[in-house]
């Protein structure tokens, strides 16, 4: 059975206020288990809460956060191990997710690619040095 965390601990770990927790439960961003008067949060809820707080601080609207989390929930397996491989950024407009070198927007599901111009520059410098050492290779490649 998954470990569950009480509200006081969750509030301290996440930095969320009581009002924020209540509101986010009400709108369905998080879904703790209720037992009597108490709410119990899963580790996944803790991850979501930390993410929500960080994205809000980054200027992302709650509507986009909710959409992004919903989209991520649809494509990620229920296994929490996969969550540790995600890195999530925001520019205040998009929620950008990277996993294993792949980039995509969690809000629009648009995919991005990474192009390393620094590596290209290094390759050019290396090749130029190589061609200076072996001019025959340079002349052969021009033909």
N, C-alpha and C. Protein backbone atom coordinates (compact mmCIF):
# COMPACT_ATOMS: atom_id res chain seq x y z
N UNK A 1 0.84 -1.18 0.00
CA UNK A 1 0.00 0.00 0.00
C UNK A 1 0.88 1.25 0.00
N UNK A 2 0.49 2.27 -0.71
CA UNK A 2 1.25 3.50 -0.78
C UNK A 2 1.20 4.24 0.55
N UNK A 3 2.30 4.88 0.88
CA UNK A 3 2.36 5.68 2.10
C UNK A 3 1.52 6.94 1.90
N UNK A 4 0.82 7.34 2.92
CA UNK A 4 -0.02 8.54 2.89
C UNK A 4 0.49 9.54 3.91
N UNK A 5 0.36 10.82 3.58
CA UNK A 5 0.88 11.89 4.42
C UNK A 5 -0.25 12.81 4.84
N UNK A 6 -0.23 13.22 6.12
CA UNK A 6 -1.27 14.10 6.65
C UNK A 6 -1.04 15.54 6.19
N UNK A 7 -2.11 16.31 6.26
CA UNK A 7 -2.12 17.68 5.76
C UNK A 7 -1.02 18.56 6.36
N UNK A 8 -0.78 18.48 7.66
CA UNK A 8 0.24 19.33 8.28
C UNK A 8 1.61 19.10 7.65
N UNK A 9 1.97 17.85 7.49
CA UNK A 9 3.26 17.51 6.88
C UNK A 9 3.30 17.96 5.42
N UNK A 10 2.23 17.73 4.71
CA UNK A 10 2.15 18.10 3.29
C UNK A 10 2.28 19.62 3.13
N UNK A 11 1.63 20.35 4.00
CA UNK A 11 1.70 21.82 3.95
C UNK A 11 3.15 22.29 4.14
N UNK A 12 3.85 21.70 5.10
CA UNK A 12 5.24 22.08 5.34
C UNK A 12 6.15 21.67 4.20
N UNK A 13 5.94 20.50 3.64
CA UNK A 13 6.79 20.01 2.55
C UNK A 13 6.57 20.78 1.25
N UNK A 14 5.33 21.17 1.02
CA UNK A 14 5.00 21.79 -0.27
C UNK A 14 5.06 23.32 -0.25
N UNK A 15 4.84 23.89 0.91
CA UNK A 15 4.76 25.35 0.99
C UNK A 15 3.38 25.89 0.67
N UNK A 16 2.42 24.99 0.49
CA UNK A 16 1.04 25.41 0.19
C UNK A 16 0.32 25.81 1.47
N UNK A 17 -0.61 26.73 1.34
CA UNK A 17 -1.43 27.14 2.49
C UNK A 17 -2.64 26.23 2.59
N UNK A 18 -3.33 26.29 3.73
CA UNK A 18 -4.56 25.51 3.89
C UNK A 18 -5.58 25.88 2.81
N UNK A 19 -5.73 27.19 2.56
CA UNK A 19 -6.70 27.63 1.56
C UNK A 19 -6.33 27.12 0.17
N UNK A 20 -5.05 27.15 -0.17
CA UNK A 20 -4.63 26.63 -1.48
C UNK A 20 -4.95 25.14 -1.59
N UNK A 21 -4.61 24.38 -0.56
CA UNK A 21 -4.90 22.94 -0.58
C UNK A 21 -6.38 22.68 -0.77
N UNK A 22 -7.21 23.39 0.00
CA UNK A 22 -8.66 23.20 -0.12
C UNK A 22 -9.16 23.53 -1.53
N UNK A 23 -8.67 24.63 -2.08
CA UNK A 23 -9.10 25.05 -3.41
C UNK A 23 -8.62 24.06 -4.48
N UNK A 24 -7.40 23.61 -4.38
CA UNK A 24 -6.86 22.68 -5.39
C UNK A 24 -7.55 21.33 -5.32
N UNK A 25 -7.98 20.92 -4.12
CA UNK A 25 -8.77 19.70 -3.99
C UNK A 25 -10.13 19.94 -4.65
N UNK A 26 -10.73 21.09 -4.36
CA UNK A 26 -12.07 21.43 -4.89
C UNK A 26 -12.09 21.43 -6.42
N UNK A 27 -11.03 21.96 -7.06
CA UNK A 27 -11.02 22.03 -8.53
C UNK A 27 -10.41 20.78 -9.18
N UNK A 28 -10.00 19.82 -8.35
CA UNK A 28 -9.54 18.55 -8.88
C UNK A 28 -8.06 18.48 -9.27
N UNK A 29 -7.27 19.45 -8.87
CA UNK A 29 -5.84 19.39 -9.17
C UNK A 29 -5.15 18.28 -8.39
N UNK A 30 -5.58 18.09 -7.17
CA UNK A 30 -5.07 17.00 -6.34
C UNK A 30 -6.26 16.27 -5.76
N UNK A 31 -6.05 15.01 -5.41
CA UNK A 31 -7.17 14.21 -4.91
C UNK A 31 -6.72 13.36 -3.72
N UNK A 32 -6.56 14.01 -2.57
CA UNK A 32 -6.17 13.23 -1.40
C UNK A 32 -7.32 12.32 -0.94
N UNK A 33 -6.96 11.31 -0.19
CA UNK A 33 -7.97 10.41 0.37
C UNK A 33 -8.48 11.04 1.66
N UNK A 34 -9.80 11.07 1.82
CA UNK A 34 -10.37 11.64 3.04
C UNK A 34 -10.80 10.51 3.96
N UNK A 35 -10.38 10.61 5.20
CA UNK A 35 -10.75 9.63 6.21
C UNK A 35 -11.16 10.39 7.46
N UNK A 36 -12.45 10.40 7.72
CA UNK A 36 -12.96 11.19 8.84
C UNK A 36 -12.78 12.67 8.54
N UNK A 37 -12.12 13.39 9.44
CA UNK A 37 -11.88 14.82 9.24
C UNK A 37 -10.57 15.09 8.53
N UNK A 38 -9.80 14.07 8.26
CA UNK A 38 -8.45 14.27 7.75
C UNK A 38 -8.32 13.91 6.27
N UNK A 39 -7.41 14.62 5.60
CA UNK A 39 -7.02 14.28 4.24
C UNK A 39 -5.64 13.64 4.29
N UNK A 40 -5.46 12.62 3.46
CA UNK A 40 -4.17 11.95 3.37
C UNK A 40 -3.70 12.01 1.92
N UNK A 41 -2.46 12.47 1.76
CA UNK A 41 -1.90 12.73 0.43
C UNK A 41 -0.87 11.66 0.07
N UNK A 42 -0.84 11.30 -1.20
CA UNK A 42 0.13 10.33 -1.70
C UNK A 42 1.43 11.04 -2.07
N UNK A 43 2.46 10.27 -2.35
CA UNK A 43 3.72 10.85 -2.81
C UNK A 43 3.50 11.59 -4.12
N UNK A 44 2.65 11.05 -4.98
CA UNK A 44 2.34 11.71 -6.25
C UNK A 44 1.67 13.06 -6.00
N UNK A 45 0.81 13.13 -4.99
CA UNK A 45 0.18 14.42 -4.63
C UNK A 45 1.25 15.42 -4.19
N UNK A 46 2.24 14.94 -3.42
CA UNK A 46 3.33 15.83 -2.99
C UNK A 46 4.10 16.38 -4.19
N UNK A 47 4.36 15.53 -5.16
CA UNK A 47 5.05 15.96 -6.38
C UNK A 47 4.22 17.02 -7.09
N UNK A 48 2.93 16.76 -7.23
CA UNK A 48 2.04 17.73 -7.89
C UNK A 48 2.03 19.06 -7.16
N UNK A 49 1.96 19.00 -5.83
CA UNK A 49 1.91 20.24 -5.05
C UNK A 49 3.19 21.06 -5.21
N UNK A 50 4.32 20.39 -5.16
CA UNK A 50 5.59 21.11 -5.35
C UNK A 50 5.64 21.72 -6.75
N UNK A 51 5.16 20.96 -7.72
CA UNK A 51 5.13 21.43 -9.11
C UNK A 51 4.20 22.64 -9.25
N UNK A 52 3.03 22.55 -8.68
CA UNK A 52 2.06 23.66 -8.75
C UNK A 52 2.67 24.93 -8.15
N UNK A 53 3.26 24.80 -6.98
CA UNK A 53 3.86 25.96 -6.31
C UNK A 53 4.97 26.56 -7.18
N UNK A 54 5.86 25.71 -7.70
CA UNK A 54 6.98 26.20 -8.52
C UNK A 54 6.49 26.87 -9.80
N UNK A 55 5.50 26.27 -10.46
CA UNK A 55 4.99 26.83 -11.71
C UNK A 55 4.25 28.15 -11.47
N UNK A 56 3.51 28.22 -10.36
CA UNK A 56 2.83 29.49 -10.01
C UNK A 56 3.87 30.59 -9.77
N UNK A 57 4.94 30.24 -9.05
CA UNK A 57 6.01 31.22 -8.81
C UNK A 57 6.66 31.65 -10.12
N UNK A 58 6.68 30.74 -11.09
CA UNK A 58 7.24 31.04 -12.41
C UNK A 58 6.30 31.83 -13.30
N UNK A 59 5.09 32.10 -12.81
CA UNK A 59 4.15 32.94 -13.54
C UNK A 59 3.13 32.19 -14.38
N UNK A 60 3.11 30.87 -14.32
CA UNK A 60 2.14 30.10 -15.11
C UNK A 60 0.77 30.15 -14.44
N UNK A 61 -0.26 30.32 -15.25
CA UNK A 61 -1.63 30.41 -14.70
C UNK A 61 -2.08 29.05 -14.18
N UNK A 62 -2.99 29.07 -13.22
CA UNK A 62 -3.53 27.84 -12.65
C UNK A 62 -4.25 27.01 -13.70
N UNK A 63 -4.90 27.66 -14.66
CA UNK A 63 -5.58 26.94 -15.74
C UNK A 63 -4.58 26.14 -16.58
N UNK A 64 -3.45 26.75 -16.91
CA UNK A 64 -2.44 26.04 -17.70
C UNK A 64 -1.77 24.93 -16.87
N UNK A 65 -1.58 25.20 -15.59
CA UNK A 65 -1.01 24.17 -14.71
C UNK A 65 -1.93 22.96 -14.68
N UNK A 66 -3.23 23.22 -14.50
CA UNK A 66 -4.20 22.13 -14.44
C UNK A 66 -4.22 21.34 -15.75
N UNK A 67 -4.20 22.05 -16.88
CA UNK A 67 -4.20 21.38 -18.18
C UNK A 67 -2.92 20.57 -18.36
N UNK A 68 -1.78 21.15 -17.99
CA UNK A 68 -0.51 20.46 -18.12
C UNK A 68 -0.44 19.20 -17.27
N UNK A 69 -0.89 19.30 -16.03
CA UNK A 69 -0.89 18.13 -15.14
C UNK A 69 -1.84 17.07 -15.66
N UNK A 70 -2.98 17.48 -16.16
CA UNK A 70 -3.94 16.54 -16.74
C UNK A 70 -3.33 15.80 -17.93
N UNK A 71 -2.67 16.55 -18.82
CA UNK A 71 -2.03 15.92 -19.98
C UNK A 71 -0.92 14.97 -19.56
N UNK A 72 -0.11 15.38 -18.59
CA UNK A 72 0.96 14.51 -18.12
C UNK A 72 0.39 13.24 -17.50
N UNK A 73 -0.69 13.37 -16.75
CA UNK A 73 -1.31 12.20 -16.12
C UNK A 73 -1.79 11.19 -17.16
N UNK A 74 -2.21 11.68 -18.32
CA UNK A 74 -2.70 10.79 -19.38
C UNK A 74 -1.57 10.01 -20.05
N UNK A 75 -0.39 10.63 -20.15
CA UNK A 75 0.69 9.98 -20.90
C UNK A 75 1.72 9.28 -20.04
N UNK A 76 1.75 9.60 -18.74
CA UNK A 76 2.74 8.96 -17.87
C UNK A 76 2.13 7.74 -17.20
N UNK A 77 2.95 6.71 -17.03
CA UNK A 77 2.45 5.54 -16.31
C UNK A 77 2.23 5.86 -14.84
N UNK A 78 1.49 5.01 -14.16
CA UNK A 78 1.19 5.24 -12.75
C UNK A 78 2.41 5.03 -11.85
N UNK A 79 3.47 4.48 -12.40
CA UNK A 79 4.68 4.21 -11.64
C UNK A 79 5.41 5.52 -11.33
N UNK A 80 5.65 5.79 -10.06
CA UNK A 80 6.30 7.03 -9.64
C UNK A 80 7.77 7.10 -10.06
N UNK A 81 8.38 5.97 -10.42
CA UNK A 81 9.78 5.99 -10.84
C UNK A 81 9.99 6.87 -12.07
N UNK A 82 9.03 6.87 -12.99
CA UNK A 82 9.15 7.68 -14.20
C UNK A 82 9.11 9.18 -13.89
N UNK A 83 8.45 9.55 -12.84
CA UNK A 83 8.33 10.96 -12.48
C UNK A 83 9.67 11.57 -12.12
N UNK A 84 10.57 10.76 -11.57
CA UNK A 84 11.88 11.29 -11.16
C UNK A 84 12.75 11.63 -12.35
N UNK A 85 12.40 11.15 -13.54
CA UNK A 85 13.19 11.46 -14.75
C UNK A 85 12.73 12.75 -15.43
N UNK A 86 11.63 13.31 -14.99
CA UNK A 86 11.10 14.51 -15.63
C UNK A 86 11.77 15.76 -15.08
N UNK A 87 12.03 16.70 -15.97
CA UNK A 87 12.44 18.03 -15.57
C UNK A 87 11.43 18.97 -16.21
N UNK A 88 10.83 19.85 -15.40
CA UNK A 88 9.76 20.71 -15.89
C UNK A 88 10.14 22.17 -15.70
N UNK A 89 9.97 22.95 -16.76
CA UNK A 89 10.31 24.38 -16.75
C UNK A 89 9.07 25.18 -17.12
N UNK A 90 9.11 26.46 -16.81
CA UNK A 90 8.09 27.37 -17.32
C UNK A 90 8.74 28.71 -17.64
N UNK A 91 8.18 29.35 -18.65
CA UNK A 91 8.56 30.73 -18.97
C UNK A 91 7.41 31.67 -18.64
N UNK A 92 6.43 31.14 -17.91
CA UNK A 92 5.25 31.91 -17.57
C UNK A 92 4.14 31.76 -18.60
N UNK A 93 4.46 31.13 -19.72
CA UNK A 93 3.48 30.93 -20.79
C UNK A 93 3.24 29.44 -21.04
N UNK A 94 4.31 28.67 -21.05
CA UNK A 94 4.24 27.24 -21.33
C UNK A 94 4.79 26.44 -20.16
N UNK A 95 4.40 25.18 -20.11
CA UNK A 95 4.94 24.21 -19.15
C UNK A 95 5.74 23.22 -19.98
N UNK A 96 7.06 23.39 -19.98
CA UNK A 96 7.95 22.59 -20.83
C UNK A 96 8.48 21.41 -20.02
N UNK A 97 8.34 20.22 -20.58
CA UNK A 97 8.77 19.00 -19.92
C UNK A 97 9.90 18.37 -20.73
N UNK A 98 10.92 17.89 -20.04
CA UNK A 98 11.96 17.14 -20.72
C UNK A 98 12.12 15.79 -20.04
N UNK A 99 12.18 14.77 -20.86
CA UNK A 99 12.40 13.42 -20.39
C UNK A 99 13.31 12.73 -21.39
N UNK A 100 14.42 12.23 -20.90
CA UNK A 100 15.38 11.52 -21.74
C UNK A 100 15.76 12.32 -22.98
N UNK A 101 15.97 13.61 -22.84
CA UNK A 101 16.40 14.45 -23.95
C UNK A 101 15.30 14.87 -24.91
N UNK A 102 14.07 14.49 -24.64
CA UNK A 102 12.93 14.90 -25.46
C UNK A 102 12.22 16.04 -24.75
N UNK A 103 11.80 17.03 -25.53
CA UNK A 103 11.15 18.22 -24.98
C UNK A 103 9.74 18.33 -25.54
N UNK A 104 8.78 18.68 -24.68
CA UNK A 104 7.43 18.94 -25.16
C UNK A 104 6.71 19.86 -24.19
N UNK A 105 5.66 20.49 -24.70
CA UNK A 105 4.81 21.34 -23.87
C UNK A 105 3.71 20.48 -23.27
N UNK A 106 3.61 20.49 -21.95
CA UNK A 106 2.55 19.71 -21.30
C UNK A 106 1.19 20.37 -21.49
N UNK A 107 1.18 21.68 -21.77
CA UNK A 107 -0.11 22.36 -21.94
C UNK A 107 -0.67 22.18 -23.35
N UNK A 108 0.19 22.25 -24.37
CA UNK A 108 -0.30 22.13 -25.75
C UNK A 108 0.05 20.78 -26.38
N UNK A 109 0.92 20.01 -25.73
CA UNK A 109 1.43 18.72 -26.22
C UNK A 109 2.28 18.88 -27.48
N UNK A 110 2.71 20.09 -27.76
CA UNK A 110 3.60 20.35 -28.89
C UNK A 110 4.99 19.84 -28.52
N UNK A 111 5.65 19.19 -29.50
CA UNK A 111 7.00 18.68 -29.27
C UNK A 111 8.02 19.69 -29.75
N UNK A 112 9.17 19.71 -29.07
CA UNK A 112 10.27 20.59 -29.42
C UNK A 112 11.50 19.74 -29.68
N UNK A 113 12.48 20.30 -30.34
CA UNK A 113 13.73 19.59 -30.50
C UNK A 113 14.85 20.45 -29.96
N UNK A 114 15.95 19.79 -29.65
CA UNK A 114 17.11 20.48 -29.10
C UNK A 114 18.21 20.48 -30.15
N UNK A 115 18.80 21.63 -30.38
CA UNK A 115 19.89 21.75 -31.34
C UNK A 115 21.03 22.46 -30.64
N UNK A 116 22.14 21.76 -30.47
CA UNK A 116 23.27 22.28 -29.71
C UNK A 116 24.27 22.96 -30.64
N UNK A 117 24.21 24.29 -30.73
CA UNK A 117 25.12 25.02 -31.62
C UNK A 117 26.54 25.02 -31.07
N UNK A 118 26.70 24.90 -29.76
CA UNK A 118 28.04 24.84 -29.18
C UNK A 118 28.76 23.58 -29.64
N UNK A 119 28.03 22.46 -29.71
CA UNK A 119 28.63 21.21 -30.18
C UNK A 119 29.01 21.34 -31.66
N UNK A 120 28.17 21.99 -32.44
CA UNK A 120 28.47 22.20 -33.85
C UNK A 120 29.76 23.01 -34.00
N UNK A 121 29.88 24.06 -33.21
CA UNK A 121 31.09 24.90 -33.26
C UNK A 121 32.32 24.07 -32.90
N UNK A 122 32.22 23.22 -31.88
CA UNK A 122 33.32 22.35 -31.48
C UNK A 122 33.69 21.39 -32.61
N UNK A 123 32.68 20.83 -33.28
CA UNK A 123 32.93 19.92 -34.40
C UNK A 123 33.63 20.64 -35.55
N UNK A 124 33.24 21.88 -35.84
CA UNK A 124 33.86 22.66 -36.92
C UNK A 124 35.32 22.93 -36.60
N UNK A 125 35.60 23.34 -35.37
CA UNK A 125 36.98 23.62 -34.96
C UNK A 125 37.83 22.35 -35.04
N UNK A 126 37.29 21.24 -34.57
CA UNK A 126 38.01 19.97 -34.61
C UNK A 126 38.30 19.55 -36.05
N UNK A 127 37.31 19.65 -36.91
CA UNK A 127 37.49 19.27 -38.32
C UNK A 127 38.49 20.19 -39.01
N UNK A 128 38.44 21.50 -38.72
CA UNK A 128 39.39 22.44 -39.32
C UNK A 128 40.83 22.08 -38.93
N UNK A 129 41.05 21.74 -37.67
CA UNK A 129 42.38 21.33 -37.22
C UNK A 129 42.82 20.05 -37.93
N UNK A 130 41.91 19.13 -38.05
CA UNK A 130 42.20 17.85 -38.72
C UNK A 130 42.57 18.08 -40.18
N UNK A 131 41.86 18.96 -40.85
CA UNK A 131 42.14 19.24 -42.27
C UNK A 131 43.47 19.97 -42.44
N UNK A 132 43.85 20.80 -41.48
CA UNK A 132 45.15 21.49 -41.56
C UNK A 132 46.30 20.49 -41.40
N UNK A 133 46.07 19.47 -40.57
CA UNK A 133 47.11 18.45 -40.38
C UNK A 133 47.21 17.51 -41.57
N UNK A 134 46.12 17.31 -42.27
CA UNK A 134 46.08 16.38 -43.41
C UNK A 134 45.46 17.07 -44.63
N UNK A 135 46.25 17.92 -45.30
CA UNK A 135 45.69 18.67 -46.44
C UNK A 135 45.21 17.78 -47.58
N UNK A 136 45.71 16.58 -47.69
CA UNK A 136 45.27 15.67 -48.76
C UNK A 136 43.80 15.32 -48.59
N UNK A 137 43.36 15.21 -47.37
CA UNK A 137 41.93 14.89 -47.09
C UNK A 137 41.08 16.08 -47.53
N UNK A 138 41.54 17.30 -47.23
CA UNK A 138 40.80 18.49 -47.60
C UNK A 138 40.67 18.59 -49.12
N UNK A 139 41.77 18.34 -49.85
CA UNK A 139 41.75 18.41 -51.32
C UNK A 139 40.86 17.34 -51.91
N UNK A 140 40.86 16.15 -51.33
CA UNK A 140 40.03 15.04 -51.84
C UNK A 140 38.55 15.34 -51.63
N UNK A 141 38.21 16.02 -50.54
CA UNK A 141 36.79 16.30 -50.27
C UNK A 141 36.25 17.40 -51.17
N UNK A 142 37.12 18.20 -51.79
CA UNK A 142 36.67 19.25 -52.69
C UNK A 142 36.31 18.71 -54.07
N UNK A 143 36.78 17.53 -54.41
CA UNK A 143 36.53 16.97 -55.75
C UNK A 143 35.15 16.41 -55.90
